Amino acid sequence: MACACTCSNGFIKSLAGGSKFTATFVIDDIQYHFSGNINPSVQDFVCDRATLQYGSLGELTTQRQCEGKIGTQNIELTIINGPTIKGPLNSPIDPATRVSGVGTWAQN
């Protein structure tokens, strides 16, 4: 069965020495930010060509748990209620690390 998903382009990057992250995507001229904490901490990373895949805008609200993998060449975070953030890292991170955490959606 085909996914009835929508995609948006943006970025995701680490903050605070790799224990926090922020991601921004523009949907219908509105910026959607997903920011939070990840554990364990990883090397600083940037992905300027991240893609957010989601089913509806209602998924991009409130605080959500997430999990995924960062490195060696890519990042992939799955937000527990469905959306995913994926993309190629600007610089490799070795070794790849499985992470989990929690983030909060905001708009402006």
PDB file of N, CA and C in Angstrom:
ATOM      1  N   MET A   1       0.840  -1.171   0.000  1.00  0.00           N
ATOM      2  CA  MET A   1       0.000   0.000   0.000  1.00  0.00           C
ATOM      3  C   MET A   1       0.888   1.238   0.000  1.00  0.00           C
ATOM      4  N   ALA A   2       0.578   2.199  -0.826  1.00  0.00           N
ATOM      5  CA  ALA A   2       1.388   3.408  -0.949  1.00  0.00           C
ATOM      6  C   ALA A   2       1.180   4.320   0.257  1.00  0.00           C
ATOM      7  N   CYS A   3       2.252   5.012   0.608  1.00  0.00           N
ATOM      8  CA  CYS A   3       2.185   5.956   1.722  1.00  0.00           C
ATOM      9  C   CYS A   3       1.519   7.243   1.254  1.00  0.00           C
ATOM     10  N   ALA A   4       0.546   7.724   2.006  1.00  0.00           N
ATOM     11  CA  ALA A   4      -0.091   9.005   1.697  1.00  0.00           C
ATOM     12  C   ALA A   4       0.642  10.102   2.466  1.00  0.00           C
ATOM     13  N   CYS A   5       1.949  10.170   2.236  1.00  0.00           N
ATOM     14  CA  CYS A   5       2.797  11.073   3.009  1.00  0.00           C
ATOM     15  C   CYS A   5       3.128  12.328   2.223  1.00  0.00           C
ATOM     16  N   THR A   6       3.463  13.358   2.957  1.00  0.00           N
ATOM     17  CA  THR A   6       3.910  14.616   2.399  1.00  0.00           C
ATOM     18  C   THR A   6       5.344  14.823   2.858  1.00  0.00           C
ATOM     19  N   CYS A   7       6.157  15.441   2.002  1.00  0.00           N
ATOM     20  CA  CYS A   7       7.549  15.692   2.346  1.00  0.00           C
ATOM     21  C   CYS A   7       7.829  17.183   2.318  1.00  0.00           C
ATOM     22  N   SER A   8       8.767  17.598   3.168  1.00  0.00           N
ATOM     23  CA  SER A   8       9.222  18.976   3.213  1.00  0.00           C
ATOM     24  C   SER A   8      10.727  18.971   3.413  1.00  0.00           C
ATOM     25  N   ASN A   9      11.419  19.933   2.814  1.00  0.00           N
ATOM     26  CA  ASN A   9      12.866  20.034   2.944  1.00  0.00           C
ATOM     27  C   ASN A   9      13.242  21.032   4.021  1.00  0.00           C
ATOM     28  N   GLY A  10      14.383  20.780   4.674  1.00  0.00           N
ATOM     29  CA  GLY A  10      14.869  21.672   5.710  1.00  0.00           C
ATOM     30  C   GLY A  10      16.232  21.239   6.186  1.00  0.00           C
ATOM     31  N   PHE A  11      16.495  21.432   7.486  1.00  0.00           N
ATOM     32  CA  PHE A  11      17.786  21.043   8.050  1.00  0.00           C
ATOM     33  C   PHE A  11      17.596  20.514   9.459  1.00  0.00           C
ATOM     34  N   ILE A  12      18.611  19.779   9.926  1.00  0.00           N
ATOM     35  CA  ILE A  12      18.708  19.352  11.314  1.00  0.00           C
ATOM     36  C   ILE A  12      20.163  19.469  11.715  1.00  0.00           C
ATOM     37  N   LYS A  13      20.409  19.934  12.934  1.00  0.00           N
ATOM     38  CA  LYS A  13      21.781  20.062  13.421  1.00  0.00           C
ATOM     39  C   LYS A  13      21.822  19.858  14.920  1.00  0.00           C
ATOM     40  N   SER A  14      23.013  19.502  15.404  1.00  0.00           N
ATOM     41  CA  SER A  14      23.205  19.302  16.838  1.00  0.00           C
ATOM     42  C   SER A  14      23.501  20.622  17.516  1.00  0.00           C
ATOM     43  N   LEU A  15      23.232  20.644  18.820  1.00  0.00           N
ATOM     44  CA  LEU A  15      23.540  21.776  19.691  1.00  0.00           C
ATOM     45  C   LEU A  15      24.126  21.216  20.982  1.00  0.00           C
ATOM     46  N   ALA A  16      24.752  22.069  21.779  1.00  0.00           N
ATOM     47  CA  ALA A  16      25.207  21.710  23.127  1.00  0.00           C
ATOM     48  C   ALA A  16      26.087  20.465  23.132  1.00  0.00           C
ATOM     49  N   GLY A  17      27.035  20.420  22.180  1.00  0.00           N
ATOM     50  CA  GLY A  17      27.972  19.303  22.181  1.00  0.00           C
ATOM     51  C   GLY A  17      27.366  17.971  21.808  1.00  0.00           C
ATOM     52  N   GLY A  18      26.297  17.980  21.021  1.00  0.00           N
ATOM     53  CA  GLY A  18      25.715  16.739  20.529  1.00  0.00           C
ATOM     54  C   GLY A  18      24.675  16.106  21.423  1.00  0.00           C
ATOM     55  N   SER A  19      24.251  16.786  22.492  1.00  0.00           N
ATOM     56  CA  SER A  19      23.203  16.225  23.347  1.00  0.00           C
ATOM     57  C   SER A  19      21.829  16.803  23.026  1.00  0.00           C
ATOM     58  N   LYS A  20      21.800  17.859  22.224  1.00  0.00           N
ATOM     59  CA  LYS A  20      20.547  18.490  21.802  1.00  0.00           C
ATOM     60  C   LYS A  20      20.554  18.649  20.286  1.00  0.00           C
ATOM     61  N   PHE A  21      19.359  18.845  19.720  1.00  0.00           N
ATOM     62  CA  PHE A  21      19.247  19.045  18.279  1.00  0.00           C
ATOM     63  C   PHE A  21      18.137  20.042  17.989  1.00  0.00           C
ATOM     64  N   THR A  22      18.194  20.614  16.806  1.00  0.00           N
ATOM     65  CA  THR A  22      17.092  21.430  16.311  1.00  0.00           C
ATOM     66  C   THR A  22      16.925  21.152  14.827  1.00  0.00           C
ATOM     67  N   ALA A  23      15.685  21.095  14.381  1.00  0.00           N
ATOM     68  CA  ALA A  23      15.359  20.867  12.975  1.00  0.00           C
ATOM     69  C   ALA A  23      14.313  21.894  12.561  1.00  0.00           C
ATOM     70  N   THR A  24      14.422  22.393  11.337  1.00  0.00           N
ATOM     71  CA  THR A  24      13.469  23.376  10.824  1.00  0.00           C
ATOM     72  C   THR A  24      13.050  22.993   9.406  1.00  0.00           C
ATOM     73  N   PHE A  25      11.754  23.054   9.162  1.00  0.00           N
ATOM     74  CA  PHE A  25      11.175  22.763   7.852  1.00  0.00           C
ATOM     75  C   PHE A  25      10.118  23.814   7.553  1.00  0.00           C
ATOM     76  N   VAL A  26       9.989  24.229   6.293  1.00  0.00           N
ATOM     77  CA  VAL A  26       8.989  25.216   5.901  1.00  0.00           C
ATOM     78  C   VAL A  26       7.865  24.492   5.165  1.00  0.00           C
ATOM     79  N   ILE A  27       6.645  24.640   5.690  1.00  0.00           N
ATOM     80  CA  ILE A  27       5.463  24.019   5.109  1.00  0.00           C
ATOM     81  C   ILE A  27       4.418  25.110   4.934  1.00  0.00           C
ATOM     82  N   ASP A  28       3.989  25.348   3.697  1.00  0.00           N
ATOM     83  CA  ASP A  28       2.991  26.390   3.408  1.00  0.00           C
ATOM     84  C   ASP A  28       3.391  27.733   4.016  1.00  0.00           C
ATOM     85  N   ASP A  29       4.660  28.117   3.834  1.00  0.00           N
ATOM     86  CA  ASP A  29       5.204  29.392   4.307  1.00  0.00           C
ATOM     87  C   ASP A  29       5.247  29.526   5.830  1.00  0.00           C
ATOM     88  N   ILE A  30       5.104  28.422   6.560  1.00  0.00           N
ATOM     89  CA  ILE A  30       5.211  28.428   8.021  1.00  0.00           C
ATOM     90  C   ILE A  30       6.412  27.577   8.399  1.00  0.00           C
ATOM     91  N   GLN A  31       7.251  28.089   9.301  1.00  0.00           N
ATOM     92  CA  GLN A  31       8.392  27.315   9.792  1.00  0.00           C
ATOM     93  C   GLN A  31       7.930  26.389  10.915  1.00  0.00           C
ATOM     94  N   TYR A  32       8.249  25.109  10.769  1.00  0.00           N
ATOM     95  CA  TYR A  32       7.987  24.102  11.794  1.00  0.00           C
ATOM     96  C   TYR A  32       9.337  23.710  12.393  1.00  0.00           C
ATOM     97  N   HIS A  33       9.471  23.866  13.698  1.00  0.00           N
ATOM     98  CA  HIS A  33      10.712  23.554  14.399  1.00  0.00           C
ATOM     99  C   HIS A  33      10.481  22.346  15.294  1.00  0.00           C
ATOM    100  N   PHE A  34      11.415  21.399  15.251  1.00  0.00           N
ATOM    101  CA  PHE A  34      11.397  20.253  16.166  1.00  0.00           C
ATOM    102  C   PHE A  34      12.733  20.260  16.882  1.00  0.00           C
ATOM    103  N   SER A  35      12.721  20.547  18.178  1.00  0.00           N
ATOM    104  CA  SER A  35      13.945  20.688  18.962  1.00  0.00           C
ATOM    105  C   SER A  35      13.853  19.842  20.212  1.00  0.00           C
ATOM    106  N   GLY A  36      15.002  19.271  20.615  1.00  0.00           N
ATOM    107  CA  GLY A  36      14.963  18.450  21.814  1.00  0.00           C
ATOM    108  C   GLY A  36      16.313  17.908  22.213  1.00  0.00           C
ATOM    109  N   ASN A  37      16.265  16.817  22.976  1.00  0.00           N
ATOM    110  CA  ASN A  37      17.454  16.164  23.523  1.00  0.00           C
ATOM    111  C   ASN A  37      17.593  14.767  22.932  1.00  0.00           C
ATOM    112  N   ILE A  38      18.846  14.328  22.774  1.00  0.00           N
ATOM    113  CA  ILE A  38      19.102  12.953  22.359  1.00  0.00           C
ATOM    114  C   ILE A  38      20.100  12.320  23.316  1.00  0.00           C
ATOM    115  N   ASN A  39      19.992  11.003  23.419  1.00  0.00           N
ATOM    116  CA  ASN A  39      20.863  10.241  24.295  1.00  0.00           C
ATOM    117  C   ASN A  39      21.233   8.951  23.578  1.00  0.00           C
ATOM    118  N   PRO A  40      22.487   8.557  23.522  1.00  0.00           N
ATOM    119  CA  PRO A  40      23.637   9.262  24.078  1.00  0.00           C
ATOM    120  C   PRO A  40      24.022  10.466  23.217  1.00  0.00           C
ATOM    121  N   SER A  41      24.869  11.320  23.760  1.00  0.00           N
ATOM    122  CA  SER A  41      25.403  12.444  22.991  1.00  0.00           C
ATOM    123  C   SER A  41      26.231  11.901  21.832  1.00  0.00           C
ATOM    124  N   VAL A  42      26.227  12.635  20.732  1.00  0.00           N
ATOM    125  CA  VAL A  42      27.010  12.249  19.549  1.00  0.00           C
ATOM    126  C   VAL A  42      27.918  13.409  19.173  1.00  0.00           C
ATOM    127  N   GLN A  43      28.798  13.166  18.203  1.00  0.00           N
ATOM    128  CA  GLN A  43      29.618  14.242  17.671  1.00  0.00           C
ATOM    129  C   GLN A  43      28.700  15.300  17.076  1.00  0.00           C
ATOM    130  N   ASP A  44      29.170  16.547  17.040  1.00  0.00           N
ATOM    131  CA  ASP A  44      28.383  17.599  16.395  1.00  0.00           C
ATOM    132  C   ASP A  44      28.076  17.191  14.959  1.00  0.00           C
ATOM    133  N   PHE A  45      26.855  17.480  14.523  1.00  0.00           N
ATOM    134  CA  PHE A  45      26.461  17.125  13.163  1.00  0.00           C
ATOM    135  C   PHE A  45      25.592  18.221  12.566  1.00  0.00           C
ATOM    136  N   VAL A  46      25.585  18.253  11.230  1.00  0.00           N
ATOM    137  CA  VAL A  46      24.719  19.138  10.458  1.00  0.00           C
ATOM    138  C   VAL A  46      24.233  18.362   9.248  1.00  0.00           C
ATOM    139  N   CYS A  47      22.964  18.488   8.948  1.00  0.00           N
ATOM    140  CA  CYS A  47      22.385  17.954   7.718  1.00  0.00           C
ATOM    141  C   CYS A  47      21.583  19.088   7.092  1.00  0.00           C
ATOM    142  N   ASP A  48      22.167  19.723   6.066  1.00  0.00           N
ATOM    143  CA  ASP A  48      21.503  20.853   5.400  1.00  0.00           C
ATOM    144  C   ASP A  48      20.454  20.422   4.387  1.00  0.00           C
ATOM    145  N   ARG A  49      20.386  19.129   4.090  1.00  0.00           N
ATOM    146  CA  ARG A  49      19.442  18.632   3.082  1.00  0.00           C
ATOM    147  C   ARG A  49      18.530  17.574   3.695  1.00  0.00           C
ATOM    148  N   ALA A  50      17.968  17.899   4.841  1.00  0.00           N
ATOM    149  CA  ALA A  50      17.073  16.961   5.526  1.00  0.00           C
ATOM    150  C   ALA A  50      15.678  16.992   4.891  1.00  0.00           C
ATOM    151  N   THR A  51      15.016  15.860   4.957  1.00  0.00           N
ATOM    152  CA  THR A  51      13.643  15.742   4.479  1.00  0.00           C
ATOM    153  C   THR A  51      12.762  15.287   5.633  1.00  0.00           C
ATOM    154  N   LEU A  52      11.665  15.992   5.843  1.00  0.00           N
ATOM    155  CA  LEU A  52      10.648  15.607   6.814  1.00  0.00           C
ATOM    156  C   LEU A  52       9.522  14.926   6.050  1.00  0.00           C
ATOM    157  N   GLN A  53       9.204  13.697   6.439  1.00  0.00           N
ATOM    158  CA  GLN A  53       8.089  12.973   5.833  1.00  0.00           C
ATOM    159  C   GLN A  53       7.020  12.807   6.906  1.00  0.00           C
ATOM    160  N   TYR A  54       5.781  13.199   6.581  1.00  0.00           N
ATOM    161  CA  TYR A  54       4.705  13.163   7.577  1.00  0.00           C
ATOM    162  C   TYR A  54       3.382  12.882   6.888  1.00  0.00           C
ATOM    163  N   GLY A  55       2.412  12.436   7.672  1.00  0.00           N
ATOM    164  CA  GLY A  55       1.097  12.111   7.136  1.00  0.00           C
ATOM    165  C   GLY A  55       0.126  13.275   7.166  1.00  0.00           C
ATOM    166  N   SER A  56       0.186  14.086   8.235  1.00  0.00           N
ATOM    167  CA  SER A  56      -0.695  15.249   8.351  1.00  0.00           C
ATOM    168  C   SER A  56      -0.027  16.271   9.264  1.00  0.00           C
ATOM    169  N   LEU A  57      -0.453  17.526   9.138  1.00  0.00           N
ATOM    170  CA  LEU A  57       0.117  18.576   9.984  1.00  0.00           C
ATOM    171  C   LEU A  57      -0.179  18.339  11.457  1.00  0.00           C
ATOM    172  N   GLY A  58      -1.232  17.600  11.753  1.00  0.00           N
ATOM    173  CA  GLY A  58      -1.570  17.280  13.127  1.00  0.00           C
ATOM    174  C   GLY A  58      -0.497  16.445  13.827  1.00  0.00           C
ATOM    175  N   GLU A  59       0.349  15.761  13.052  1.00  0.00           N
ATOM    176  CA  GLU A  59       1.449  14.990  13.631  1.00  0.00           C
ATOM    177  C   GLU A  59       2.581  15.886  14.126  1.00  0.00           C
ATOM    178  N   LEU A  60       2.601  17.144  13.659  1.00  0.00           N
ATOM    179  CA  LEU A  60       3.707  18.056  13.949  1.00  0.00           C
ATOM    180  C   LEU A  60       3.341  18.999  15.085  1.00  0.00           C
ATOM    181  N   THR A  61       2.893  18.414  16.189  1.00  0.00           N
ATOM    182  CA  THR A  61       2.456  19.194  17.348  1.00  0.00           C
ATOM    183  C   THR A  61       2.958  18.556  18.627  1.00  0.00           C
ATOM    184  N   THR A  62       3.051  19.342  19.665  1.00  0.00           N
ATOM    185  CA  THR A  62       3.328  18.943  21.047  1.00  0.00           C
ATOM    186  C   THR A  62       4.686  18.264  21.218  1.00  0.00           C
ATOM    187  N   GLN A  63       4.892  17.664  22.370  1.00  0.00           N
ATOM    188  CA  GLN A  63       6.145  16.975  22.679  1.00  0.00           C
ATOM    189  C   GLN A  63       6.039  15.526  22.216  1.00  0.00           C
ATOM    190  N   ARG A  64       7.110  15.034  21.574  1.00  0.00           N
ATOM    191  CA  ARG A  64       7.089  13.678  21.020  1.00  0.00           C
ATOM    192  C   ARG A  64       8.416  12.973  21.287  1.00  0.00           C
ATOM    193  N   GLN A  65       8.353  11.679  21.525  1.00  0.00           N
ATOM    194  CA  GLN A  65       9.563  10.874  21.620  1.00  0.00           C
ATOM    195  C   GLN A  65      10.069  10.570  20.226  1.00  0.00           C
ATOM    196  N   CYS A  66      11.387  10.350  20.125  1.00  0.00           N
ATOM    197  CA  CYS A  66      11.978  10.014  18.836  1.00  0.00           C
ATOM    198  C   CYS A  66      13.116   9.025  19.050  1.00  0.00           C
ATOM    199  N   GLU A  67      13.480   8.334  17.979  1.00  0.00           N
ATOM    200  CA  GLU A  67      14.597   7.407  18.007  1.00  0.00           C
ATOM    201  C   GLU A  67      15.151   7.283  16.609  1.00  0.00           C
ATOM    202  N   GLY A  68      16.400   6.856  16.526  1.00  0.00           N
ATOM    203  CA  GLY A  68      16.978   6.702  15.206  1.00  0.00           C
ATOM    204  C   GLY A  68      18.466   6.442  15.245  1.00  0.00           C
ATOM    205  N   LYS A  69      19.122   6.788  14.126  1.00  0.00           N
ATOM    206  CA  LYS A  69      20.542   6.538  13.963  1.00  0.00           C
ATOM    207  C   LYS A  69      21.190   7.774  13.366  1.00  0.00           C
ATOM    208  N   ILE A  70      22.345   8.142  13.909  1.00  0.00           N
ATOM    209  CA  ILE A  70      23.122   9.255  13.389  1.00  0.00           C
ATOM    210  C   ILE A  70      24.480   8.711  12.990  1.00  0.00           C
ATOM    211  N   GLY A  71      24.837   8.836  11.711  1.00  0.00           N
ATOM    212  CA  GLY A  71      26.114   8.365  11.178  1.00  0.00           C
ATOM    213  C   GLY A  71      25.929   7.116  10.340  1.00  0.00           C
ATOM    214  N   THR A  72      26.917   6.660   9.652  1.00  0.00           N
ATOM    215  CA  THR A  72      28.156   7.348   9.405  1.00  0.00           C
ATOM    216  C   THR A  72      27.991   8.455   8.354  1.00  0.00           C
ATOM    217  N   GLN A  73      27.117   8.211   7.358  1.00  0.00           N
ATOM    218  CA  GLN A  73      26.911   9.187   6.288  1.00  0.00           C
ATOM    219  C   GLN A  73      25.570   9.914   6.371  1.00  0.00           C
ATOM    220  N   ASN A  74      24.615   9.341   7.123  1.00  0.00           N
ATOM    221  CA  ASN A  74      23.229   9.838   7.123  1.00  0.00           C
ATOM    222  C   ASN A  74      22.686   9.981   8.534  1.00  0.00           C
ATOM    223  N   ILE A  75      21.575  10.693   8.611  1.00  0.00           N
ATOM    224  CA  ILE A  75      20.793  10.761   9.843  1.00  0.00           C
ATOM    225  C   ILE A  75      19.391  10.282   9.521  1.00  0.00           C
ATOM    226  N   GLU A  76      18.808   9.537  10.438  1.00  0.00           N
ATOM    227  CA  GLU A  76      17.406   9.135  10.316  1.00  0.00           C
ATOM    228  C   GLU A  76      16.803   9.109  11.709  1.00  0.00           C
ATOM    229  N   LEU A  77      15.828   9.991  11.934  1.00  0.00           N
ATOM    230  CA  LEU A  77      15.099  10.042  13.196  1.00  0.00           C
ATOM    231  C   LEU A  77      13.641   9.730  12.917  1.00  0.00           C
ATOM    232  N   THR A  78      13.077   8.831  13.663  1.00  0.00           N
ATOM    233  CA  THR A  78      11.657   8.517  13.561  1.00  0.00           C
ATOM    234  C   THR A  78      10.969   9.079  14.796  1.00  0.00           C
ATOM    235  N   ILE A  79       9.993   9.916  14.568  1.00  0.00           N
ATOM    236  CA  ILE A  79       9.207  10.480  15.655  1.00  0.00           C
ATOM    237  C   ILE A  79       8.085   9.476  15.925  1.00  0.00           C
ATOM    238  N   ILE A  80       7.883   9.140  17.178  1.00  0.00           N
ATOM    239  CA  ILE A  80       7.068   7.989  17.553  1.00  0.00           C
ATOM    240  C   ILE A  80       5.661   8.016  16.948  1.00  0.00           C
ATOM    241  N   ASN A  81       5.084   9.197  16.711  1.00  0.00           N
ATOM    242  CA  ASN A  81       3.734   9.237  16.138  1.00  0.00           C
ATOM    243  C   ASN A  81       3.732   9.190  14.614  1.00  0.00           C
ATOM    244  N   GLY A  82       4.879   8.939  13.964  1.00  0.00           N
ATOM    245  CA  GLY A  82       4.861   8.704  12.528  1.00  0.00           C
ATOM    246  C   GLY A  82       5.871   9.449  11.674  1.00  0.00           C
ATOM    247  N   PRO A  83       6.072  10.761  11.857  1.00  0.00           N
ATOM    248  CA  PRO A  83       6.982  11.480  10.967  1.00  0.00           C
ATOM    249  C   PRO A  83       8.426  10.973  11.053  1.00  0.00           C
ATOM    250  N   THR A  84       9.172  11.154   9.963  1.00  0.00           N
ATOM    251  CA  THR A  84      10.595  10.833   9.949  1.00  0.00           C
ATOM    252  C   THR A  84      11.378  12.021   9.411  1.00  0.00           C
ATOM    253  N   ILE A  85      12.590  12.168   9.922  1.00  0.00           N
ATOM    254  CA  ILE A  85      13.541  13.161   9.430  1.00  0.00           C
ATOM    255  C   ILE A  85      14.751  12.375   8.949  1.00  0.00           C
ATOM    256  N   LYS A  86      15.115  12.565   7.668  1.00  0.00           N
ATOM    257  CA  LYS A  86      16.218  11.817   7.072  1.00  0.00           C
ATOM    258  C   LYS A  86      17.061  12.754   6.234  1.00  0.00           C
ATOM    259  N   GLY A  87      18.320  12.367   6.044  1.00  0.00           N
ATOM    260  CA  GLY A  87      19.146  13.108   5.119  1.00  0.00           C
ATOM    261  C   GLY A  87      20.615  12.780   5.255  1.00  0.00           C
ATOM    262  N   PRO A  88      21.414  13.250   4.282  1.00  0.00           N
ATOM    263  CA  PRO A  88      22.852  13.027   4.317  1.00  0.00           C
ATOM    264  C   PRO A  88      23.539  14.029   5.243  1.00  0.00           C
ATOM    265  N   LEU A  89      24.434  13.543   6.088  1.00  0.00           N
ATOM    266  CA  LEU A  89      25.208  14.432   6.946  1.00  0.00           C
ATOM    267  C   LEU A  89      26.202  15.237   6.113  1.00  0.00           C
ATOM    268  N   ASN A  90      26.444  16.486   6.500  1.00  0.00           N
ATOM    269  CA  ASN A  90      27.425  17.310   5.798  1.00  0.00           C
ATOM    270  C   ASN A  90      28.823  16.719   5.922  1.00  0.00           C
ATOM    271  N   SER A  91      29.128  16.109   7.080  1.00  0.00           N
ATOM    272  CA  SER A  91      30.405  15.433   7.328  1.00  0.00           C
ATOM    273  C   SER A  91      30.114  14.106   8.006  1.00  0.00           C
ATOM    274  N   PRO A  92      30.884  13.057   7.663  1.00  0.00           N
ATOM    275  CA  PRO A  92      30.631  11.743   8.273  1.00  0.00           C
ATOM    276  C   PRO A  92      30.829  11.757   9.786  1.00  0.00           C
ATOM    277  N   ILE A  93      30.075  10.917  10.464  1.00  0.00           N
ATOM    278  CA  ILE A  93      30.236  10.676  11.899  1.00  0.00           C
ATOM    279  C   ILE A  93      30.511   9.185  12.054  1.00  0.00           C
ATOM    280  N   ASP A  94      31.651   8.863  12.638  1.00  0.00           N
ATOM    281  CA  ASP A  94      32.040   7.478  12.815  1.00  0.00           C
ATOM    282  C   ASP A  94      32.458   7.271  14.261  1.00  0.00           C
ATOM    283  N   PRO A  95      31.866   6.349  14.975  1.00  0.00           N
ATOM    284  CA  PRO A  95      30.911   5.345  14.499  1.00  0.00           C
ATOM    285  C   PRO A  95      29.481   5.888  14.488  1.00  0.00           C
ATOM    286  N   ALA A  96      28.626   5.197  13.744  1.00  0.00           N
ATOM    287  CA  ALA A  96      27.198   5.511  13.774  1.00  0.00           C
ATOM    288  C   ALA A  96      26.662   5.179  15.163  1.00  0.00           C
ATOM    289  N   THR A  97      25.692   5.948  15.619  1.00  0.00           N
ATOM    290  CA  THR A  97      25.153   5.777  16.966  1.00  0.00           C
ATOM    291  C   THR A  97      23.632   5.721  16.932  1.00  0.00           C
ATOM    292  N   ARG A  98      23.061   4.734  17.617  1.00  0.00           N
ATOM    293  CA  ARG A  98      21.607   4.683  17.813  1.00  0.00           C
ATOM    294  C   ARG A  98      21.264   5.626  18.951  1.00  0.00           C
ATOM    295  N   VAL A  99      20.265   6.478  18.726  1.00  0.00           N
ATOM    296  CA  VAL A  99      19.891   7.478  19.725  1.00  0.00           C
ATOM    297  C   VAL A  99      18.395   7.407  20.004  1.00  0.00           C
ATOM    298  N   SER A 100      18.014   7.948  21.152  1.00  0.00           N
ATOM    299  CA  SER A 100      16.606   8.146  21.459  1.00  0.00           C
ATOM    300  C   SER A 100      16.504   9.464  22.215  1.00  0.00           C
ATOM    301  N   GLY A 101      15.318  10.025  22.250  1.00  0.00           N
ATOM    302  CA  GLY A 101      15.156  11.287  22.934  1.00  0.00           C
ATOM    303  C   GLY A 101      13.738  11.789  22.870  1.00  0.00           C
ATOM    304  N   VAL A 102      13.614  13.081  23.126  1.00  0.00           N
ATOM    305  CA  VAL A 102      12.307  13.712  23.102  1.00  0.00           C
ATOM    306  C   VAL A 102      12.477  15.115  22.537  1.00  0.00           C
ATOM    307  N   GLY A 103      11.509  15.519  21.725  1.00  0.00           N
ATOM    308  CA  GLY A 103      11.544  16.853  21.128  1.00  0.00           C
ATOM    309  C   GLY A 103      10.175  17.495  21.179  1.00  0.00           C
ATOM    310  N   THR A 104      10.153  18.800  20.948  1.00  0.00           N
ATOM    311  CA  THR A 104       8.909  19.552  20.964  1.00  0.00           C
ATOM    312  C   THR A 104       8.755  20.310  19.658  1.00  0.00           C
ATOM    313  N   TRP A 105       7.553  20.260  19.077  1.00  0.00           N
ATOM    314  CA  TRP A 105       7.236  20.985  17.856  1.00  0.00           C
ATOM    315  C   TRP A 105       6.799  22.408  18.194  1.00  0.00           C
ATOM    316  N   ALA A 106       7.223  23.360  17.381  1.00  0.00           N
ATOM    317  CA  ALA A 106       6.778  24.751  17.489  1.00  0.00           C
ATOM    318  C   ALA A 106       6.649  25.309  16.074  1.00  0.00           C
ATOM    319  N   GLN A 107       5.870  26.349  15.919  1.00  0.00           N
ATOM    320  CA  GLN A 107       5.679  27.001  14.612  1.00  0.00           C
ATOM    321  C   GLN A 107       5.939  28.486  14.724  1.00  0.00           C
ATOM    322  N   ASN A 108       6.380  29.073  13.606  1.00  0.00           N
ATOM    323  CA  ASN A 108       6.400  30.532  13.500  1.00  0.00           C
ATOM    324  C   ASN A 108       6.522  30.942  12.055  1.00  0.00           C
TER     325      ASN A 108
END
